[in-house]
């Protein structure tokens, strides 16, 4: 059973033997997931195709760092210390309750498990939630799906996107609801970590393509690996409402870095997600041992976080990625495909985050 099937089981009622069914209106070959990269033909003429003229952002002049740089400890104010102690006090799972999955997303995911479902039925479910319906239409007409004509109906959008993309989009909407559940609070902080999650998912998917790994699973691992930030955000927002003292971004990023793995482990445990995913969420900053069965996934996450830092989706740091230890260990050093990916990545990630935000 794949990672996606485990997640579906954990978030729906979960009959035995889930299958990746495709609506009748969509052929299985068109059931591509959100964030599919352009084909080789589509790359022709696009920015970054000529590496000799590309801005080699991944090898900044004078930068020699080749291993991850941690989040710098800011000047610890009394507020930061109080928040850190409060966050640590929740490591035992106290008050750790995530909001339920949106009903429409749950219904759609359940329907997609039925091999007899069709695009019309899925569209009918989607139409019950205006926010989700609008998101589906926006994605179907986005640069991620280079359709010739503009789509105006949900049924046509479902047919264009396919089962994999609809499933991923439902997961995306569910996590977004968890991220922005508060009626008040610092939305800037919520957007900060949400955009970082989307960027991580996009980068992981691109890396999976050149490493010949499962792209859907890589996307979900990238999206979920920092899910513990949801709990950090909730506690910080609650503190801000009580004290009327907003926290500055460097302090918030430090608190997220210090606590997200512990909170992430508690969330994956509470949801009954697979042990492999729980292990990745709980420990993705430590460099893996040679015999680690999840070594490749951990290396991909380390590289993803380094790229996110360089692209501005995480606390900033500069690296010489071409000579980075993790790049060598992944077998990507000197790879033309990897350089091509890096050249195209800034624009591709920006478009993805914009489309899915």
Protein backbone atom coordinates (compact mmCIF):
# COMPACT_ATOMS: atom_id res chain seq x y z
CA UNK A 1 0.00 0.00 0.00
CA UNK A 2 1.44 3.38 -1.00
CA UNK A 3 1.76 6.46 1.17
CA UNK A 4 -1.20 8.12 -0.48
CA UNK A 5 -3.44 5.12 0.29
CA UNK A 6 -2.37 5.22 3.92
CA UNK A 7 -3.26 8.91 4.12
CA UNK A 8 -6.66 8.33 2.53
CA UNK A 9 -7.30 5.54 5.03
CA UNK A 10 -6.33 7.78 7.93
CA UNK A 11 -8.53 10.67 6.87
CA UNK A 12 -11.60 8.76 5.69
CA UNK A 13 -13.50 5.79 7.07
CA UNK A 14 -11.04 3.53 5.25
CA UNK A 15 -12.32 0.26 3.81
CA UNK A 16 -9.73 -2.43 3.20
CA UNK A 17 -8.03 -2.53 -0.15
CA UNK A 18 -8.20 1.11 -1.35
CA UNK A 19 -7.68 1.69 -5.05
CA UNK A 20 -6.60 4.69 -7.06
CA UNK A 21 -9.72 4.97 -9.19
CA UNK A 22 -10.20 7.44 -11.99
CA UNK A 23 -13.48 9.19 -12.86
CA UNK A 24 -14.98 7.67 -16.00
CA UNK A 25 -14.63 10.93 -17.84
CA UNK A 26 -10.85 10.82 -17.37
CA UNK A 27 -8.47 8.25 -18.77
CA UNK A 28 -5.90 6.83 -16.37
CA UNK A 29 -3.11 8.29 -18.43
CA UNK A 30 -4.44 11.79 -17.81
CA UNK A 31 -4.67 11.37 -14.05
CA UNK A 32 -1.57 13.46 -13.44
CA UNK A 33 -1.08 15.02 -10.04
CA UNK A 34 -0.89 18.71 -9.26
CA UNK A 35 2.59 20.15 -9.83
CA UNK A 36 3.43 18.08 -12.87
CA UNK A 37 6.43 19.70 -14.49
CA UNK A 38 6.34 20.79 -18.16
CA UNK A 39 7.35 18.20 -20.71
CA UNK A 40 10.58 18.51 -22.65
CA UNK A 41 8.70 20.06 -25.57
CA UNK A 42 7.04 22.60 -23.28
CA UNK A 43 10.42 23.59 -21.90
CA UNK A 44 11.59 24.75 -25.34
CA UNK A 45 12.05 28.48 -25.37
CA UNK A 46 11.30 28.91 -21.66
CA UNK A 47 13.53 30.70 -19.19
CA UNK A 48 16.40 28.59 -17.91
CA UNK A 49 16.63 26.26 -20.92
CA UNK A 50 19.98 27.79 -21.90
CA UNK A 51 22.13 27.05 -18.87
CA UNK A 52 25.04 29.10 -20.18
CA UNK A 53 22.90 32.23 -19.91
CA UNK A 54 20.98 31.19 -16.79
CA UNK A 55 21.55 32.98 -13.51
CA UNK A 56 23.39 30.36 -11.50
CA UNK A 57 21.66 31.28 -8.24
CA UNK A 58 22.60 27.88 -6.79
CA UNK A 59 26.32 28.78 -6.78
CA UNK A 60 26.55 32.34 -5.37
CA UNK A 61 29.95 33.96 -5.77
CA UNK A 62 32.09 33.65 -2.67
CA UNK A 63 29.79 31.17 -0.91
CA UNK A 64 31.42 27.98 0.31
CA UNK A 65 28.80 26.45 2.66
CA UNK A 66 27.97 22.91 1.53
CA UNK A 67 26.03 21.63 4.57
CA UNK A 68 22.76 22.84 6.16
CA UNK A 69 22.85 25.99 8.25
CA UNK A 70 20.45 26.02 11.19
CA UNK A 71 18.05 28.80 12.09
CA UNK A 72 19.98 31.51 13.91
CA UNK A 73 18.99 32.05 17.52
CA UNK A 74 17.54 35.58 17.76
CA UNK A 75 17.89 37.81 20.78
CA UNK A 76 15.57 36.04 23.19
CA UNK A 77 13.09 38.49 24.62
CA UNK A 78 10.96 37.67 27.64
CA UNK A 79 8.05 37.02 25.26
CA UNK A 80 10.08 34.49 23.24
CA UNK A 81 11.17 32.66 26.38
CA UNK A 82 7.61 32.48 27.69
CA UNK A 83 6.38 31.14 24.35
CA UNK A 84 9.19 28.60 24.14
CA UNK A 85 8.35 27.23 27.59
CA UNK A 86 4.65 27.14 26.69
CA UNK A 87 5.34 25.25 23.47
CA UNK A 88 7.58 22.72 25.20
CA UNK A 89 4.87 22.09 27.78
CA UNK A 90 2.66 20.80 24.94
CA UNK A 91 5.17 18.18 23.74
CA UNK A 92 3.22 15.52 25.63
CA UNK A 93 0.21 16.11 23.36
CA UNK A 94 -1.77 18.33 25.69
CA UNK A 95 -4.52 20.19 23.80
CA UNK A 96 -3.29 18.77 20.49
CA UNK A 97 -6.50 18.76 18.44
CA UNK A 98 -6.55 19.52 14.73
CA UNK A 99 -9.73 20.75 13.06
CA UNK A 100 -11.68 18.12 11.11
CA UNK A 101 -11.21 17.70 7.40
CA UNK A 102 -13.71 19.85 5.44
CA UNK A 103 -16.80 17.75 4.70
CA UNK A 104 -16.64 18.27 0.94
CA UNK A 105 -13.00 17.17 0.80
CA UNK A 106 -13.84 14.09 2.83
CA UNK A 107 -16.78 13.23 0.56
CA UNK A 108 -14.70 13.67 -2.59
CA UNK A 109 -11.87 11.50 -1.27
CA UNK A 110 -14.36 8.82 -0.30
CA UNK A 111 -16.03 8.95 -3.74
CA UNK A 112 -12.71 8.65 -5.56
CA UNK A 113 -12.22 5.26 -3.91
CA UNK A 114 -15.19 3.93 -5.87
CA UNK A 115 -14.09 2.57 -9.28
CA UNK A 116 -17.55 3.43 -10.63
CA UNK A 117 -17.38 7.12 -9.77
CA UNK A 118 -17.50 9.65 -12.60
CA UNK A 119 -16.51 13.27 -13.15
CA UNK A 120 -20.12 14.44 -12.85
CA UNK A 121 -20.51 12.96 -9.35
CA UNK A 122 -17.19 14.41 -8.21
CA UNK A 123 -18.14 17.82 -9.61
CA UNK A 124 -21.45 17.63 -7.76
CA UNK A 125 -19.65 17.15 -4.46
CA UNK A 126 -17.21 19.96 -5.22
CA UNK A 127 -20.04 22.39 -5.99
CA UNK A 128 -21.19 22.21 -2.36
CA UNK A 129 -18.20 24.26 -1.23
CA UNK A 130 -17.65 27.52 -3.11
CA UNK A 131 -14.07 27.92 -1.90
CA UNK A 132 -13.00 24.43 -2.96
CA UNK A 133 -14.93 24.67 -6.25
CA UNK A 134 -13.22 27.96 -7.11
CA UNK A 135 -9.85 26.45 -6.26
CA UNK A 136 -10.45 23.50 -8.60
CA UNK A 137 -11.39 25.81 -11.45
CA UNK A 138 -8.39 28.05 -10.80
CA UNK A 139 -5.96 25.12 -10.83
CA UNK A 140 -7.52 23.66 -14.00
CA UNK A 141 -6.92 26.98 -15.78
CA UNK A 142 -3.48 27.59 -14.27
CA UNK A 143 -0.11 27.34 -16.06
CA UNK A 144 0.27 23.91 -14.45
CA UNK A 145 -2.27 22.60 -16.96
CA UNK A 146 -1.70 24.06 -20.38
CA UNK A 147 -5.13 23.53 -21.81
CA UNK A 148 -6.06 25.14 -25.12
CA UNK A 149 -9.42 26.44 -23.95
CA UNK A 150 -10.49 28.05 -20.69
CA UNK A 151 -12.57 25.76 -18.50
CA UNK A 152 -15.74 27.15 -16.92
CA UNK A 153 -17.46 24.04 -15.54
CA UNK A 154 -16.44 21.85 -12.62
CA UNK A 155 -17.08 18.65 -14.58
CA UNK A 156 -14.65 19.75 -17.30
CA UNK A 157 -12.13 20.79 -14.62
CA UNK A 158 -12.32 17.34 -13.00
CA UNK A 159 -11.82 15.70 -16.39
CA UNK A 160 -8.77 17.84 -17.13
CA UNK A 161 -7.12 17.44 -13.74
CA UNK A 162 -7.68 13.73 -13.19
CA UNK A 163 -7.96 11.70 -10.02
CA UNK A 164 -4.43 12.24 -8.72
CA UNK A 165 -4.66 16.01 -8.95
CA UNK A 166 -8.12 16.14 -7.37
CA UNK A 167 -6.93 13.98 -4.47
CA UNK A 168 -3.87 16.16 -3.93
CA UNK A 169 -5.98 19.29 -4.13
CA UNK A 170 -8.38 17.98 -1.50
CA UNK A 171 -5.43 17.32 0.80
CA UNK A 172 -4.13 20.79 0.04
CA UNK A 173 -7.47 22.38 0.93
CA UNK A 174 -7.71 20.39 4.15
CA UNK A 175 -4.29 21.46 5.36
CA UNK A 176 -4.94 25.03 4.31
CA UNK A 177 -8.10 25.00 6.42
CA UNK A 178 -6.04 23.77 9.38
CA UNK A 179 -3.47 26.49 8.79
CA UNK A 180 -5.93 29.36 8.55
CA UNK A 181 -8.56 28.10 10.98
CA UNK A 182 -8.25 31.00 13.40
CA UNK A 183 -10.80 33.79 12.98
CA UNK A 184 -8.25 36.26 14.25
CA UNK A 185 -4.52 36.34 14.66
CA UNK A 186 -1.42 37.02 12.64
CA UNK A 187 -2.24 35.93 9.10
CA UNK A 188 1.25 36.93 8.00
CA UNK A 189 2.72 34.13 10.09
CA UNK A 190 0.18 31.65 8.73
CA UNK A 191 1.02 32.61 5.14
CA UNK A 192 4.73 32.40 5.92
CA UNK A 193 4.64 28.75 6.91
CA UNK A 194 1.93 27.82 4.37
CA UNK A 195 3.96 29.18 1.45
CA UNK A 196 6.98 27.34 2.84
CA UNK A 197 5.00 24.08 2.89
CA UNK A 198 3.86 24.55 -0.71
CA UNK A 199 7.38 25.38 -1.84
CA UNK A 200 8.73 22.29 -0.08
CA UNK A 201 6.12 20.11 -1.77
CA UNK A 202 6.95 21.57 -5.18
CA UNK A 203 10.71 21.15 -4.75
CA UNK A 204 10.33 17.57 -3.53
CA UNK A 205 8.22 16.70 -6.55
CA UNK A 206 10.81 18.10 -8.95
CA UNK A 207 13.60 16.22 -7.19
CA UNK A 208 11.57 13.02 -7.34
CA UNK A 209 11.29 13.31 -11.11
CA UNK A 210 15.04 13.34 -11.72
CA UNK A 211 15.69 10.75 -8.99
CA UNK A 212 13.04 8.40 -10.45
CA UNK A 213 11.02 8.36 -7.23
CA UNK A 214 7.24 8.42 -6.80
CA UNK A 215 6.29 12.04 -7.44
CA UNK A 216 2.94 11.98 -5.64
CA UNK A 217 4.52 10.59 -2.49
CA UNK A 218 7.37 13.11 -2.70
CA UNK A 219 4.86 15.96 -2.98
CA UNK A 220 2.96 14.77 0.10
CA UNK A 221 6.15 14.23 2.12
CA UNK A 222 7.26 17.75 1.21
CA UNK A 223 3.89 19.21 2.16
CA UNK A 224 3.69 17.30 5.45
CA UNK A 225 7.26 17.29 6.74
CA UNK A 226 6.83 20.61 8.58
CA UNK A 227 3.17 20.04 9.54
CA UNK A 228 4.08 20.52 13.21
CA UNK A 229 4.24 24.25 12.46
CA UNK A 230 0.43 24.24 12.55
CA UNK A 231 0.53 23.64 16.29
CA UNK A 232 3.27 26.21 16.86
CA UNK A 233 1.22 28.74 14.90
CA UNK A 234 -1.94 28.00 16.90
CA UNK A 235 -0.21 28.47 20.26
CA UNK A 236 1.57 31.65 19.13
CA UNK A 237 -1.68 33.13 17.81
CA UNK A 238 -3.43 32.31 21.08
CA UNK A 239 -0.62 34.04 22.99
CA UNK A 240 -0.84 37.10 20.73
CA UNK A 241 -4.58 37.42 21.30
CA UNK A 242 -4.15 37.20 25.06
CA UNK A 243 -1.21 39.58 25.38
CA UNK A 244 -1.79 41.88 22.36
CA UNK A 245 1.94 41.58 21.72
CA UNK A 246 2.80 40.39 18.20
CA UNK A 247 5.87 38.23 17.81
CA UNK A 248 8.51 39.20 15.27
CA UNK A 249 9.18 36.91 12.32
CA UNK A 250 12.76 35.82 13.26
CA UNK A 251 11.56 34.75 16.72
CA UNK A 252 8.59 32.89 15.22
CA UNK A 253 10.79 31.08 12.71
CA UNK A 254 13.15 30.07 15.52
CA UNK A 255 10.27 28.71 17.60
CA UNK A 256 8.95 26.76 14.60
CA UNK A 257 12.38 25.28 13.96
CA UNK A 258 12.75 24.26 17.60
CA UNK A 259 9.33 22.62 17.96
CA UNK A 260 7.91 21.47 14.61
CA UNK A 261 9.43 17.97 14.63
CA UNK A 262 8.00 17.11 18.05
CA UNK A 263 4.57 18.49 17.16
CA UNK A 264 4.70 16.84 13.75
CA UNK A 265 5.34 13.44 15.32
CA UNK A 266 2.33 13.88 17.62
CA UNK A 267 0.10 14.82 14.68
CA UNK A 268 1.14 11.88 12.51
CA UNK A 269 0.69 9.58 15.50
CA UNK A 270 -2.78 10.98 16.24
CA UNK A 271 -3.83 10.54 12.60
CA UNK A 272 -2.54 6.99 12.44
CA UNK A 273 -0.26 7.72 9.48
CA UNK A 274 2.36 5.13 8.46
CA UNK A 275 5.52 4.67 10.49
CA UNK A 276 7.78 5.72 7.59
CA UNK A 277 6.02 9.07 7.28
CA UNK A 278 5.99 9.56 11.04
CA UNK A 279 9.74 8.91 11.09
CA UNK A 280 10.40 11.46 8.35
CA UNK A 281 8.24 14.13 9.99
CA UNK A 282 9.78 13.51 13.42
CA UNK A 283 13.40 13.63 12.24
CA UNK A 284 14.30 15.21 8.91
CA UNK A 285 17.14 17.53 9.96
CA UNK A 286 19.58 14.86 11.14
CA UNK A 287 21.88 13.54 8.43
CA UNK A 288 20.90 9.90 7.72
CA UNK A 289 23.17 6.94 8.32
CA UNK A 290 24.23 4.86 5.28
CA UNK A 291 21.96 1.96 6.30
CA UNK A 292 18.87 4.10 6.95
CA UNK A 293 16.01 2.59 4.86
CA UNK A 294 14.63 6.13 4.41
CA UNK A 295 18.00 7.60 3.54
CA UNK A 296 17.01 8.88 0.09
CA UNK A 297 13.84 10.56 1.39
CA UNK A 298 15.75 12.21 4.25
CA UNK A 299 18.44 13.44 1.86
CA UNK A 300 15.75 14.83 -0.45
CA UNK A 301 14.18 16.71 2.47
CA UNK A 302 17.54 18.12 3.57
CA UNK A 303 18.21 19.35 0.03
CA UNK A 304 14.65 20.69 -0.24
CA UNK A 305 15.11 22.74 2.95
CA UNK A 306 18.43 24.11 1.68
CA UNK A 307 16.84 25.15 -1.63
CA UNK A 308 13.89 26.69 0.24
CA UNK A 309 16.33 28.80 2.24
CA UNK A 310 18.01 30.05 -0.92
CA UNK A 311 14.70 30.80 -2.66
CA UNK A 312 13.32 32.79 0.28
CA UNK A 313 10.72 30.30 1.55
CA UNK A 314 12.60 29.59 4.80
CA UNK A 315 15.02 31.51 7.06
CA UNK A 316 17.67 32.67 4.56
CA UNK A 317 20.98 30.94 4.02
CA UNK A 318 23.32 30.69 1.06
CA UNK A 319 24.98 27.51 -0.17
CA UNK A 320 27.19 26.23 -2.92
CA UNK A 321 24.63 23.64 -3.97
CA UNK A 322 26.72 22.33 -6.85
CA UNK A 323 29.24 21.02 -4.32
CA UNK A 324 26.88 20.31 -1.41
CA UNK A 325 27.40 17.05 0.46
CA UNK A 326 23.74 16.06 0.10
CA UNK A 327 23.84 16.63 -3.66
CA UNK A 328 26.81 14.30 -3.96
CA UNK A 329 25.16 11.67 -1.76
CA UNK A 330 22.04 11.76 -3.92
CA UNK A 331 24.18 11.14 -7.01
CA UNK A 332 23.26 14.50 -8.54
CA UNK A 333 26.70 16.17 -8.56
CA UNK A 334 27.56 17.25 -12.09
CA UNK A 335 24.20 16.06 -13.44
CA UNK A 336 22.93 18.16 -16.39
CA UNK A 337 19.36 17.25 -15.42
CA UNK A 338 19.93 18.60 -11.92
CA UNK A 339 21.41 21.85 -13.25
CA UNK A 340 18.47 22.22 -15.63
CA UNK A 341 16.09 21.66 -12.73
CA UNK A 342 17.87 24.30 -10.63
CA UNK A 343 17.74 26.81 -13.46
CA UNK A 344 13.98 26.37 -13.84
CA UNK A 345 13.14 25.96 -10.15
CA UNK A 346 12.68 29.59 -8.96
CA UNK A 347 10.04 30.40 -11.57
CA UNK A 348 8.39 26.99 -11.28
CA UNK A 349 8.11 27.12 -7.47
CA UNK A 350 6.82 30.70 -7.54
CA UNK A 351 4.11 29.71 -9.99
CA UNK A 352 3.16 26.69 -7.91
CA UNK A 353 2.93 28.63 -4.65
CA UNK A 354 0.92 31.36 -6.36
CA UNK A 355 -1.46 28.84 -7.92
CA UNK A 356 -2.07 26.87 -4.73
CA UNK A 357 -2.10 29.68 -2.15
